[in-house]
């Protein structure tokens, strides 16, 4: 079972996070907590996202909307990496002639776009 945190536990766990900043991040949908019997709760992925948001906010003085967009792009990149990993696993599972043909086609397509 995944451990969840309440807002108070979350703010205690992330030293740079304040209640006001969390409210801003919630409005920008940087994190979306789950509703439970105990109220709103946060997952470990929310902790990671909020730590990154706080770091970017402080180091680069990023506005909340820009943070939201950047974290969304990071999410998309992670999703694409997972999909690419699956494609590579599927290619690797093919017989050698099929793998070589795929490598040739992918390489040709990749380098012909330049």
PDB file of N, CA and C in Angstrom:
ATOM      1  N   UNK A   1       0.840  -1.184   0.000  1.00  0.00           N
ATOM      2  CA  UNK A   1       0.000   0.000   0.000  1.00  0.00           C
ATOM      3  C   UNK A   1       0.888   1.253   0.000  1.00  0.00           C
ATOM      4  N   UNK A   2       0.512   2.212  -0.792  1.00  0.00           N
ATOM      5  CA  UNK A   2       1.273   3.447  -0.908  1.00  0.00           C
ATOM      6  C   UNK A   2       0.972   4.359   0.266  1.00  0.00           C
ATOM      7  N   UNK A   3       2.016   4.920   0.831  1.00  0.00           N
ATOM      8  CA  UNK A   3       1.853   5.858   1.950  1.00  0.00           C
ATOM      9  C   UNK A   3       1.417   7.202   1.399  1.00  0.00           C
ATOM     10  N   UNK A   4       0.445   7.788   2.044  1.00  0.00           N
ATOM     11  CA  UNK A   4      -0.017   9.116   1.649  1.00  0.00           C
ATOM     12  C   UNK A   4       0.299  10.107   2.765  1.00  0.00           C
ATOM     13  N   UNK A   5       0.357  11.374   2.380  1.00  0.00           N
ATOM     14  CA  UNK A   5       0.645  12.437   3.338  1.00  0.00           C
ATOM     15  C   UNK A   5      -0.498  13.430   3.372  1.00  0.00           C
ATOM     16  N   UNK A   6      -0.773  13.949   4.544  1.00  0.00           N
ATOM     17  CA  UNK A   6      -1.725  15.052   4.665  1.00  0.00           C
ATOM     18  C   UNK A   6      -0.995  16.341   4.285  1.00  0.00           C
ATOM     19  N   UNK A   7      -1.731  17.438   4.191  1.00  0.00           N
ATOM     20  CA  UNK A   7      -1.101  18.714   3.858  1.00  0.00           C
ATOM     21  C   UNK A   7      -0.044  19.091   4.899  1.00  0.00           C
ATOM     22  N   UNK A   8      -0.365  18.912   6.164  1.00  0.00           N
ATOM     23  CA  UNK A   8       0.592  19.255   7.226  1.00  0.00           C
ATOM     24  C   UNK A   8       1.854  18.402   7.119  1.00  0.00           C
ATOM     25  N   UNK A   9       1.692  17.111   6.865  1.00  0.00           N
ATOM     26  CA  UNK A   9       2.846  16.223   6.720  1.00  0.00           C
ATOM     27  C   UNK A   9       3.666  16.592   5.484  1.00  0.00           C
ATOM     28  N   UNK A  10       2.971  16.975   4.433  1.00  0.00           N
ATOM     29  CA  UNK A  10       3.637  17.370   3.191  1.00  0.00           C
ATOM     30  C   UNK A  10       4.501  18.607   3.409  1.00  0.00           C
ATOM     31  N   UNK A  11       3.939  19.609   4.057  1.00  0.00           N
ATOM     32  CA  UNK A  11       4.673  20.849   4.319  1.00  0.00           C
ATOM     33  C   UNK A  11       5.850  20.591   5.258  1.00  0.00           C
ATOM     34  N   UNK A  12       5.670  19.668   6.189  1.00  0.00           N
ATOM     35  CA  UNK A  12       6.770  19.309   7.090  1.00  0.00           C
ATOM     36  C   UNK A  12       7.870  18.561   6.332  1.00  0.00           C
ATOM     37  N   UNK A  13       7.481  17.738   5.374  1.00  0.00           N
ATOM     38  CA  UNK A  13       8.449  16.930   4.621  1.00  0.00           C
ATOM     39  C   UNK A  13       9.255  17.752   3.616  1.00  0.00           C
ATOM     40  N   UNK A  14       8.648  18.811   3.081  1.00  0.00           N
ATOM     41  CA  UNK A  14       9.312  19.643   2.070  1.00  0.00           C
ATOM     42  C   UNK A  14       9.602  20.991   2.707  1.00  0.00           C
ATOM     43  N   UNK A  15      10.828  21.194   3.104  1.00  0.00           N
ATOM     44  CA  UNK A  15      11.170  22.377   3.902  1.00  0.00           C
ATOM     45  C   UNK A  15      10.900  23.693   3.180  1.00  0.00           C
ATOM     46  N   UNK A  16      11.017  23.719   1.856  1.00  0.00           N
ATOM     47  CA  UNK A  16      10.802  24.971   1.111  1.00  0.00           C
ATOM     48  C   UNK A  16       9.338  25.239   0.796  1.00  0.00           C
ATOM     49  N   UNK A  17       8.479  24.294   1.114  1.00  0.00           N
ATOM     50  CA  UNK A  17       7.059  24.432   0.786  1.00  0.00           C
ATOM     51  C   UNK A  17       6.307  25.101   1.932  1.00  0.00           C
ATOM     52  N   UNK A  18       5.561  26.140   1.599  1.00  0.00           N
ATOM     53  CA  UNK A  18       4.699  26.809   2.576  1.00  0.00           C
ATOM     54  C   UNK A  18       3.251  26.536   2.202  1.00  0.00           C
ATOM     55  N   UNK A  19       2.363  26.817   3.110  1.00  0.00           N
ATOM     56  CA  UNK A  19       0.942  26.638   2.843  1.00  0.00           C
ATOM     57  C   UNK A  19       0.489  27.529   1.684  1.00  0.00           C
ATOM     58  N   UNK A  20       0.962  28.772   1.661  1.00  0.00           N
ATOM     59  CA  UNK A  20       0.593  29.689   0.575  1.00  0.00           C
ATOM     60  C   UNK A  20       1.113  29.196  -0.772  1.00  0.00           C
ATOM     61  N   UNK A  21       2.351  28.728  -0.776  1.00  0.00           N
ATOM     62  CA  UNK A  21       2.929  28.234  -2.030  1.00  0.00           C
ATOM     63  C   UNK A  21       2.184  26.990  -2.499  1.00  0.00           C
ATOM     64  N   UNK A  22       1.823  26.106  -1.573  1.00  0.00           N
ATOM     65  CA  UNK A  22       1.057  24.917  -1.936  1.00  0.00           C
ATOM     66  C   UNK A  22      -0.277  25.316  -2.553  1.00  0.00           C
ATOM     67  N   UNK A  23      -0.922  26.321  -1.992  1.00  0.00           N
ATOM     68  CA  UNK A  23      -2.194  26.803  -2.543  1.00  0.00           C
ATOM     69  C   UNK A  23      -2.007  27.272  -3.984  1.00  0.00           C
ATOM     70  N   UNK A  24      -0.917  27.994  -4.251  1.00  0.00           N
ATOM     71  CA  UNK A  24      -0.613  28.438  -5.624  1.00  0.00           C
ATOM     72  C   UNK A  24      -0.397  27.238  -6.545  1.00  0.00           C
ATOM     73  N   UNK A  25       0.347  26.264  -6.072  1.00  0.00           N
ATOM     74  CA  UNK A  25       0.650  25.091  -6.888  1.00  0.00           C
ATOM     75  C   UNK A  25      -0.604  24.257  -7.149  1.00  0.00           C
ATOM     76  N   UNK A  26      -1.496  24.201  -6.175  1.00  0.00           N
ATOM     77  CA  UNK A  26      -2.758  23.488  -6.380  1.00  0.00           C
ATOM     78  C   UNK A  26      -3.602  24.195  -7.434  1.00  0.00           C
ATOM     79  N   UNK A  27      -3.646  25.524  -7.378  1.00  0.00           N
ATOM     80  CA  UNK A  27      -4.411  26.296  -8.362  1.00  0.00           C
ATOM     81  C   UNK A  27      -3.857  26.093  -9.770  1.00  0.00           C
ATOM     82  N   UNK A  28      -2.540  25.935  -9.881  1.00  0.00           N
ATOM     83  CA  UNK A  28      -1.896  25.722 -11.181  1.00  0.00           C
ATOM     84  C   UNK A  28      -1.893  24.242 -11.583  1.00  0.00           C
ATOM     85  N   UNK A  29      -2.455  23.386 -10.732  1.00  0.00           N
ATOM     86  CA  UNK A  29      -2.535  21.942 -10.960  1.00  0.00           C
ATOM     87  C   UNK A  29      -1.162  21.296 -11.143  1.00  0.00           C
ATOM     88  N   UNK A  30      -0.182  21.810 -10.409  1.00  0.00           N
ATOM     89  CA  UNK A  30       1.136  21.179 -10.400  1.00  0.00           C
ATOM     90  C   UNK A  30       1.029  19.823  -9.712  1.00  0.00           C
ATOM     91  N   UNK A  31       0.194  19.749  -8.710  1.00  0.00           N
ATOM     92  CA  UNK A  31      -0.196  18.477  -8.092  1.00  0.00           C
ATOM     93  C   UNK A  31      -1.709  18.484  -7.932  1.00  0.00           C
ATOM     94  N   UNK A  32      -2.280  17.297  -7.959  1.00  0.00           N
ATOM     95  CA  UNK A  32      -3.721  17.148  -7.748  1.00  0.00           C
ATOM     96  C   UNK A  32      -3.896  16.078  -6.678  1.00  0.00           C
ATOM     97  N   UNK A  33      -4.172  16.498  -5.443  1.00  0.00           N
ATOM     98  CA  UNK A  33      -4.292  15.526  -4.353  1.00  0.00           C
ATOM     99  C   UNK A  33      -5.536  14.661  -4.518  1.00  0.00           C
ATOM    100  N   UNK A  34      -5.526  13.554  -3.816  1.00  0.00           N
ATOM    101  CA  UNK A  34      -6.683  12.662  -3.804  1.00  0.00           C
ATOM    102  C   UNK A  34      -7.527  12.959  -2.575  1.00  0.00           C
ATOM    103  N   UNK A  35      -8.819  12.771  -2.722  1.00  0.00           N
ATOM    104  CA  UNK A  35      -9.728  12.940  -1.592  1.00  0.00           C
ATOM    105  C   UNK A  35      -9.818  11.609  -0.855  1.00  0.00           C
ATOM    106  N   UNK A  36      -9.645  11.645   0.452  1.00  0.00           N
ATOM    107  CA  UNK A  36      -9.784  10.440   1.271  1.00  0.00           C
ATOM    108  C   UNK A  36     -10.695  10.766   2.448  1.00  0.00           C
ATOM    109  N   UNK A  37     -10.929   9.775   3.274  1.00  0.00           N
ATOM    110  CA  UNK A  37     -11.746   9.995   4.469  1.00  0.00           C
ATOM    111  C   UNK A  37     -11.100  11.027   5.390  1.00  0.00           C
ATOM    112  N   UNK A  38      -9.771  11.101   5.349  1.00  0.00           N
ATOM    113  CA  UNK A  38      -9.032  12.042   6.199  1.00  0.00           C
ATOM    114  C   UNK A  38      -8.892  13.421   5.551  1.00  0.00           C
ATOM    115  N   UNK A  39      -9.440  13.583   4.365  1.00  0.00           N
ATOM    116  CA  UNK A  39      -9.298  14.845   3.636  1.00  0.00           C
ATOM    117  C   UNK A  39      -8.380  14.660   2.444  1.00  0.00           C
ATOM    118  N   UNK A  40      -7.776  15.748   1.986  1.00  0.00           N
ATOM    119  CA  UNK A  40      -6.870  15.670   0.846  1.00  0.00           C
ATOM    120  C   UNK A  40      -5.568  14.996   1.258  1.00  0.00           C
ATOM    121  N   UNK A  41      -5.098  14.076   0.424  1.00  0.00           N
ATOM    122  CA  UNK A  41      -3.837  13.385   0.693  1.00  0.00           C
ATOM    123  C   UNK A  41      -2.965  13.421  -0.559  1.00  0.00           C
ATOM    124  N   UNK A  42      -1.669  13.301  -0.327  1.00  0.00           N
ATOM    125  CA  UNK A  42      -0.677  13.414  -1.388  1.00  0.00           C
ATOM    126  C   UNK A  42       0.143  12.136  -1.462  1.00  0.00           C
ATOM    127  N   UNK A  43       0.515  11.758  -2.682  1.00  0.00           N
ATOM    128  CA  UNK A  43       1.320  10.562  -2.934  1.00  0.00           C
ATOM    129  C   UNK A  43       2.804  10.936  -2.988  1.00  0.00           C
ATOM    130  N   UNK A  44       3.669   9.930  -3.033  1.00  0.00           N
ATOM    131  CA  UNK A  44       5.115  10.191  -3.101  1.00  0.00           C
ATOM    132  C   UNK A  44       5.490  10.930  -4.384  1.00  0.00           C
ATOM    133  N   UNK A  45       4.781  10.680  -5.479  1.00  0.00           N
ATOM    134  CA  UNK A  45       5.063  11.405  -6.724  1.00  0.00           C
ATOM    135  C   UNK A  45       4.761  12.892  -6.548  1.00  0.00           C
ATOM    136  N   UNK A  46       3.761  13.209  -5.741  1.00  0.00           N
ATOM    137  CA  UNK A  46       3.446  14.615  -5.466  1.00  0.00           C
ATOM    138  C   UNK A  46       4.587  15.284  -4.709  1.00  0.00           C
ATOM    139  N   UNK A  47       5.196  14.545  -3.794  1.00  0.00           N
ATOM    140  CA  UNK A  47       6.334  15.084  -3.039  1.00  0.00           C
ATOM    141  C   UNK A  47       7.459  15.430  -4.011  1.00  0.00           C
ATOM    142  N   UNK A  48       7.765  14.520  -4.921  1.00  0.00           N
ATOM    143  CA  UNK A  48       8.836  14.762  -5.896  1.00  0.00           C
ATOM    144  C   UNK A  48       8.513  15.966  -6.780  1.00  0.00           C
ATOM    145  N   UNK A  49       7.271  16.055  -7.249  1.00  0.00           N
ATOM    146  CA  UNK A  49       6.871  17.175  -8.108  1.00  0.00           C
ATOM    147  C   UNK A  49       6.966  18.499  -7.352  1.00  0.00           C
ATOM    148  N   UNK A  50       6.538  18.507  -6.100  1.00  0.00           N
ATOM    149  CA  UNK A  50       6.576  19.737  -5.311  1.00  0.00           C
ATOM    150  C   UNK A  50       8.003  20.137  -4.952  1.00  0.00           C
ATOM    151  N   UNK A  51       8.855  19.161  -4.673  1.00  0.00           N
ATOM    152  CA  UNK A  51      10.264  19.482  -4.416  1.00  0.00           C
ATOM    153  C   UNK A  51      10.887  20.131  -5.650  1.00  0.00           C
ATOM    154  N   UNK A  52      10.603  19.576  -6.828  1.00  0.00           N
ATOM    155  CA  UNK A  52      11.117  20.150  -8.071  1.00  0.00           C
ATOM    156  C   UNK A  52      10.544  21.545  -8.299  1.00  0.00           C
ATOM    157  N   UNK A  53       9.250  21.707  -8.086  1.00  0.00           N
ATOM    158  CA  UNK A  53       8.615  23.018  -8.274  1.00  0.00           C
ATOM    159  C   UNK A  53       9.231  24.060  -7.347  1.00  0.00           C
ATOM    160  N   UNK A  54       9.439  23.706  -6.096  1.00  0.00           N
ATOM    161  CA  UNK A  54      10.049  24.648  -5.145  1.00  0.00           C
ATOM    162  C   UNK A  54      11.467  25.008  -5.570  1.00  0.00           C
ATOM    163  N   UNK A  55      12.222  24.010  -6.005  1.00  0.00           N
ATOM    164  CA  UNK A  55      13.603  24.266  -6.428  1.00  0.00           C
ATOM    165  C   UNK A  55      13.636  25.187  -7.646  1.00  0.00           C
ATOM    166  N   UNK A  56      12.812  24.906  -8.647  1.00  0.00           N
ATOM    167  CA  UNK A  56      12.774  25.752  -9.846  1.00  0.00           C
ATOM    168  C   UNK A  56      12.282  27.154  -9.516  1.00  0.00           C
ATOM    169  N   UNK A  57      11.296  27.225  -8.647  1.00  0.00           N
ATOM    170  CA  UNK A  57      10.744  28.521  -8.247  1.00  0.00           C
ATOM    171  C   UNK A  57      11.826  29.381  -7.595  1.00  0.00           C
ATOM    172  N   UNK A  58      12.586  28.783  -6.704  1.00  0.00           N
ATOM    173  CA  UNK A  58      13.604  29.541  -5.969  1.00  0.00           C
ATOM    174  C   UNK A  58      14.851  29.823  -6.801  1.00  0.00           C
ATOM    175  N   UNK A  59      15.331  28.832  -7.535  1.00  0.00           N
ATOM    176  CA  UNK A  59      16.578  29.018  -8.283  1.00  0.00           C
ATOM    177  C   UNK A  59      16.408  29.913  -9.504  1.00  0.00           C
ATOM    178  N   UNK A  60      15.253  29.811 -10.165  1.00  0.00           N
ATOM    179  CA  UNK A  60      15.065  30.540 -11.419  1.00  0.00           C
ATOM    180  C   UNK A  60      13.958  31.579 -11.344  1.00  0.00           C
ATOM    181  N   UNK A  61      13.407  31.768 -10.153  1.00  0.00           N
ATOM    182  CA  UNK A  61      12.337  32.742  -9.949  1.00  0.00           C
ATOM    183  C   UNK A  61      11.202  32.541 -10.957  1.00  0.00           C
ATOM    184  N   UNK A  62      10.844  31.275 -11.177  1.00  0.00           N
ATOM    185  CA  UNK A  62       9.811  30.943 -12.161  1.00  0.00           C
ATOM    186  C   UNK A  62       8.424  31.219 -11.601  1.00  0.00           C
ATOM    187  N   UNK A  63       7.576  31.748 -12.446  1.00  0.00           N
ATOM    188  CA  UNK A  63       6.179  31.957 -12.090  1.00  0.00           C
ATOM    189  C   UNK A  63       5.467  30.606 -12.039  1.00  0.00           C
ATOM    190  N   UNK A  64       4.371  30.562 -11.330  1.00  0.00           N
ATOM    191  CA  UNK A  64       3.640  29.311 -11.131  1.00  0.00           C
ATOM    192  C   UNK A  64       3.158  28.711 -12.447  1.00  0.00           C
ATOM    193  N   UNK A  65       2.658  29.543 -13.361  1.00  0.00           N
ATOM    194  CA  UNK A  65       2.192  29.021 -14.651  1.00  0.00           C
ATOM    195  C   UNK A  65       3.336  28.404 -15.448  1.00  0.00           C
ATOM    196  N   UNK A  66       4.504  29.038 -15.405  1.00  0.00           N
ATOM    197  CA  UNK A  66       5.672  28.492 -16.101  1.00  0.00           C
ATOM    198  C   UNK A  66       6.108  27.172 -15.464  1.00  0.00           C
ATOM    199  N   UNK A  67       6.044  27.099 -14.142  1.00  0.00           N
ATOM    200  CA  UNK A  67       6.373  25.853 -13.441  1.00  0.00           C
ATOM    201  C   UNK A  67       5.432  24.737 -13.869  1.00  0.00           C
ATOM    202  N   UNK A  68       4.156  25.059 -13.937  1.00  0.00           N
ATOM    203  CA  UNK A  68       3.160  24.072 -14.330  1.00  0.00           C
ATOM    204  C   UNK A  68       3.450  23.541 -15.731  1.00  0.00           C
ATOM    205  N   UNK A  69       3.773  24.447 -16.654  1.00  0.00           N
ATOM    206  CA  UNK A  69       4.075  24.038 -18.019  1.00  0.00           C
ATOM    207  C   UNK A  69       5.347  23.194 -18.064  1.00  0.00           C
ATOM    208  N   UNK A  70       6.370  23.601 -17.339  1.00  0.00           N
ATOM    209  CA  UNK A  70       7.628  22.859 -17.348  1.00  0.00           C
ATOM    210  C   UNK A  70       7.433  21.454 -16.775  1.00  0.00           C
ATOM    211  N   UNK A  71       6.706  21.345 -15.688  1.00  0.00           N
ATOM    212  CA  UNK A  71       6.492  20.031 -15.083  1.00  0.00           C
ATOM    213  C   UNK A  71       5.630  19.161 -15.995  1.00  0.00           C
ATOM    214  N   UNK A  72       4.681  19.767 -16.693  1.00  0.00           N
ATOM    215  CA  UNK A  72       3.892  19.028 -17.675  1.00  0.00           C
ATOM    216  C   UNK A  72       4.786  18.485 -18.788  1.00  0.00           C
ATOM    217  N   UNK A  73       5.723  19.291 -19.257  1.00  0.00           N
ATOM    218  CA  UNK A  73       6.660  18.839 -20.294  1.00  0.00           C
ATOM    219  C   UNK A  73       7.553  17.713 -19.779  1.00  0.00           C
ATOM    220  N   UNK A  74       7.974  17.806 -18.529  1.00  0.00           N
ATOM    221  CA  UNK A  74       8.782  16.737 -17.932  1.00  0.00           C
ATOM    222  C   UNK A  74       7.961  15.451 -17.857  1.00  0.00           C
ATOM    223  N   UNK A  75       6.683  15.563 -17.474  1.00  0.00           N
ATOM    224  CA  UNK A  75       5.796  14.395 -17.441  1.00  0.00           C
ATOM    225  C   UNK A  75       5.690  13.757 -18.825  1.00  0.00           C
ATOM    226  N   UNK A  76       5.514  14.591 -19.853  1.00  0.00           N
ATOM    227  CA  UNK A  76       5.410  14.082 -21.221  1.00  0.00           C
ATOM    228  C   UNK A  76       6.696  13.372 -21.636  1.00  0.00           C
ATOM    229  N   UNK A  77       7.832  13.960 -21.282  1.00  0.00           N
ATOM    230  CA  UNK A  77       9.119  13.360 -21.622  1.00  0.00           C
ATOM    231  C   UNK A  77       9.268  11.988 -20.954  1.00  0.00           C
ATOM    232  N   UNK A  78       8.881  11.894 -19.696  1.00  0.00           N
ATOM    233  CA  UNK A  78       8.965  10.605 -18.999  1.00  0.00           C
ATOM    234  C   UNK A  78       8.038   9.581 -19.647  1.00  0.00           C
ATOM    235  N   UNK A  79       6.844  10.025 -20.045  1.00  0.00           N
ATOM    236  CA  UNK A  79       5.915   9.125 -20.729  1.00  0.00           C
ATOM    237  C   UNK A  79       6.481   8.625 -22.046  1.00  0.00           C
ATOM    238  N   UNK A  80       7.077   9.513 -22.810  1.00  0.00           N
ATOM    239  CA  UNK A  80       7.682   9.129 -24.090  1.00  0.00           C
ATOM    240  C   UNK A  80       8.857   8.176 -23.891  1.00  0.00           C
ATOM    241  N   UNK A  81       9.639   8.413 -22.857  1.00  0.00           N
ATOM    242  CA  UNK A  81      10.764   7.509 -22.574  1.00  0.00           C
ATOM    243  C   UNK A  81      10.259   6.105 -22.249  1.00  0.00           C
ATOM    244  N   UNK A  82       9.164   6.024 -21.489  1.00  0.00           N
ATOM    245  CA  UNK A  82       8.600   4.712 -21.151  1.00  0.00           C
ATOM    246  C   UNK A  82       8.076   4.014 -22.408  1.00  0.00           C
ATOM    247  N   UNK A  83       7.422   4.775 -23.284  1.00  0.00           N
ATOM    248  CA  UNK A  83       6.923   4.196 -24.535  1.00  0.00           C
ATOM    249  C   UNK A  83       8.078   3.743 -25.417  1.00  0.00           C
ATOM    250  N   UNK A  84       9.122   4.545 -25.518  1.00  0.00           N
ATOM    251  CA  UNK A  84      10.287   4.178 -26.321  1.00  0.00           C
ATOM    252  C   UNK A  84      10.940   2.914 -25.774  1.00  0.00           C
ATOM    253  N   UNK A  85      11.010   2.799 -24.458  1.00  0.00           N
ATOM    254  CA  UNK A  85      11.577   1.600 -23.838  1.00  0.00           C
ATOM    255  C   UNK A  85      10.781   0.362 -24.256  1.00  0.00           C
ATOM    256  N   UNK A  86       9.456   0.480 -24.304  1.00  0.00           N
ATOM    257  CA  UNK A  86       8.616  -0.643 -24.727  1.00  0.00           C
ATOM    258  C   UNK A  86       8.857  -0.993 -26.191  1.00  0.00           C
ATOM    259  N   UNK A  87       8.989   0.028 -27.037  1.00  0.00           N
ATOM    260  CA  UNK A  87       9.274  -0.216 -28.456  1.00  0.00           C
ATOM    261  C   UNK A  87      10.621  -0.923 -28.602  1.00  0.00           C
ATOM    262  N   UNK A  88      11.632  -0.444 -27.885  1.00  0.00           N
ATOM    263  CA  UNK A  88      12.952  -1.070 -27.961  1.00  0.00           C
ATOM    264  C   UNK A  88      12.922  -2.513 -27.461  1.00  0.00           C
ATOM    265  N   UNK A  89      12.151  -2.777 -26.418  1.00  0.00           N
ATOM    266  CA  UNK A  89      12.004  -4.154 -25.932  1.00  0.00           C
ATOM    267  C   UNK A  89      11.328  -5.025 -26.979  1.00  0.00           C
ATOM    268  N   UNK A  90      10.319  -4.479 -27.664  1.00  0.00           N
ATOM    269  CA  UNK A  90       9.627  -5.229 -28.714  1.00  0.00           C
ATOM    270  C   UNK A  90      10.572  -5.513 -29.880  1.00  0.00           C
ATOM    271  N   UNK A  91      11.374  -4.528 -30.259  1.00  0.00           N
ATOM    272  CA  UNK A  91      12.348  -4.723 -31.342  1.00  0.00           C
ATOM    273  C   UNK A  91      13.366  -5.780 -30.931  1.00  0.00           C
ATOM    274  N   UNK A  92      13.842  -5.705 -29.718  1.00  0.00           N
ATOM    275  CA  UNK A  92      14.841  -6.656 -29.233  1.00  0.00           C
ATOM    276  C   UNK A  92      14.314  -8.090 -29.226  1.00  0.00           C
ATOM    277  N   UNK A  93      13.011  -8.257 -29.055  1.00  0.00           N
ATOM    278  CA  UNK A  93      12.408  -9.590 -29.011  1.00  0.00           C
ATOM    279  C   UNK A  93      12.231 -10.203 -30.402  1.00  0.00           C
ATOM    280  N   UNK A  94      12.472  -9.436 -31.448  1.00  0.00           N
ATOM    281  CA  UNK A  94      12.291  -9.922 -32.816  1.00  0.00           C
ATOM    282  C   UNK A  94      13.516 -10.719 -33.277  1.00  0.00           C
ATOM    283  N   UNK A  95      13.309 -11.561 -34.279  1.00  0.00           N
ATOM    284  CA  UNK A  95      14.462 -12.278 -34.853  1.00  0.00           C
ATOM    285  C   UNK A  95      15.465 -11.283 -35.450  1.00  0.00           C
ATOM    286  N   UNK A  96      16.706 -11.706 -35.548  1.00  0.00           N
ATOM    287  CA  UNK A  96      17.787 -10.834 -36.017  1.00  0.00           C
ATOM    288  C   UNK A  96      17.491 -10.155 -37.358  1.00  0.00           C
ATOM    289  N   UNK A  97      16.982 -10.863 -38.371  1.00  0.00           N
ATOM    290  CA  UNK A  97      16.720 -10.173 -39.647  1.00  0.00           C
ATOM    291  C   UNK A  97      15.692  -9.035 -39.505  1.00  0.00           C
ATOM    292  N   UNK A  98      14.693  -9.250 -38.685  1.00  0.00           N
ATOM    293  CA  UNK A  98      13.674  -8.215 -38.464  1.00  0.00           C
ATOM    294  C   UNK A  98      14.300  -7.037 -37.730  1.00  0.00           C
ATOM    295  N   UNK A  99      15.120  -7.316 -36.723  1.00  0.00           N
ATOM    296  CA  UNK A  99      15.790  -6.232 -35.992  1.00  0.00           C
ATOM    297  C   UNK A  99      16.658  -5.396 -36.924  1.00  0.00           C
ATOM    298  N   UNK A 100      17.416  -6.060 -37.770  1.00  0.00           N
ATOM    299  CA  UNK A 100      18.289  -5.335 -38.691  1.00  0.00           C
ATOM    300  C   UNK A 100      17.482  -4.471 -39.656  1.00  0.00           C
ATOM    301  N   UNK A 101      16.376  -5.009 -40.129  1.00  0.00           N
ATOM    302  CA  UNK A 101      15.524  -4.242 -41.043  1.00  0.00           C
ATOM    303  C   UNK A 101      14.939  -3.019 -40.331  1.00  0.00           C
ATOM    304  N   UNK A 102      14.488  -3.195 -39.107  1.00  0.00           N
ATOM    305  CA  UNK A 102      13.945  -2.069 -38.342  1.00  0.00           C
ATOM    306  C   UNK A 102      15.015  -1.015 -38.076  1.00  0.00           C
ATOM    307  N   UNK A 103      16.202  -1.449 -37.715  1.00  0.00           N
ATOM    308  CA  UNK A 103      17.295  -0.506 -37.465  1.00  0.00           C
ATOM    309  C   UNK A 103      17.601   0.286 -38.727  1.00  0.00           C
ATOM    310  N   UNK A 104      17.607  -0.396 -39.855  1.00  0.00           N
ATOM    311  CA  UNK A 104      17.882   0.284 -41.126  1.00  0.00           C
ATOM    312  C   UNK A 104      16.794   1.308 -41.454  1.00  0.00           C
ATOM    313  N   UNK A 105      15.539   0.918 -41.310  1.00  0.00           N
ATOM    314  CA  UNK A 105      14.426   1.825 -41.619  1.00  0.00           C
ATOM    315  C   UNK A 105      14.419   3.012 -40.665  1.00  0.00           C
ATOM    316  N   UNK A 106      14.604   2.751 -39.387  1.00  0.00           N
ATOM    317  CA  UNK A 106      14.604   3.838 -38.400  1.00  0.00           C
ATOM    318  C   UNK A 106      15.783   4.771 -38.643  1.00  0.00           C
ATOM    319  N   UNK A 107      16.946   4.209 -38.897  1.00  0.00           N
ATOM    320  CA  UNK A 107      18.121   5.039 -39.170  1.00  0.00           C
ATOM    321  C   UNK A 107      17.941   5.885 -40.412  1.00  0.00           C
ATOM    322  N   UNK A 108      17.389   5.312 -41.471  1.00  0.00           N
ATOM    323  CA  UNK A 108      17.149   6.061 -42.707  1.00  0.00           C
ATOM    324  C   UNK A 108      16.164   7.188 -42.460  1.00  0.00           C
ATOM    325  N   UNK A 109      15.080   6.893 -41.764  1.00  0.00           N
ATOM    326  CA  UNK A 109      14.065   7.924 -41.484  1.00  0.00           C
ATOM    327  C   UNK A 109      14.647   9.019 -40.610  1.00  0.00           C
ATOM    328  N   UNK A 110      15.437   8.637 -39.639  1.00  0.00           N
ATOM    329  CA  UNK A 110      16.002   9.615 -38.705  1.00  0.00           C
ATOM    330  C   UNK A 110      16.961  10.567 -39.413  1.00  0.00           C
ATOM    331  N   UNK A 111      17.822  10.033 -40.250  1.00  0.00           N
ATOM    332  CA  UNK A 111      18.846  10.869 -40.867  1.00  0.00           C
ATOM    333  C   UNK A 111      18.374  11.547 -42.147  1.00  0.00           C
ATOM    334  N   UNK A 112      17.285  11.099 -42.730  1.00  0.00           N
ATOM    335  CA  UNK A 112      16.803  11.741 -43.962  1.00  0.00           C
ATOM    336  C   UNK A 112      15.987  12.991 -43.675  1.00  0.00           C
ATOM    337  N   UNK A 113      15.592  13.206 -42.433  1.00  0.00           N
ATOM    338  CA  UNK A 113      14.801  14.397 -42.075  1.00  0.00           C
ATOM    339  C   UNK A 113      15.654  15.639 -41.911  1.00  0.00           C
ATOM    340  N   UNK A 114      16.923  15.510 -41.863  1.00  0.00           N
ATOM    341  CA  UNK A 114      17.801  16.665 -41.604  1.00  0.00           C
ATOM    342  C   UNK A 114      17.945  17.551 -42.792  1.00  0.00           C
TER     343      UNK A 114
END
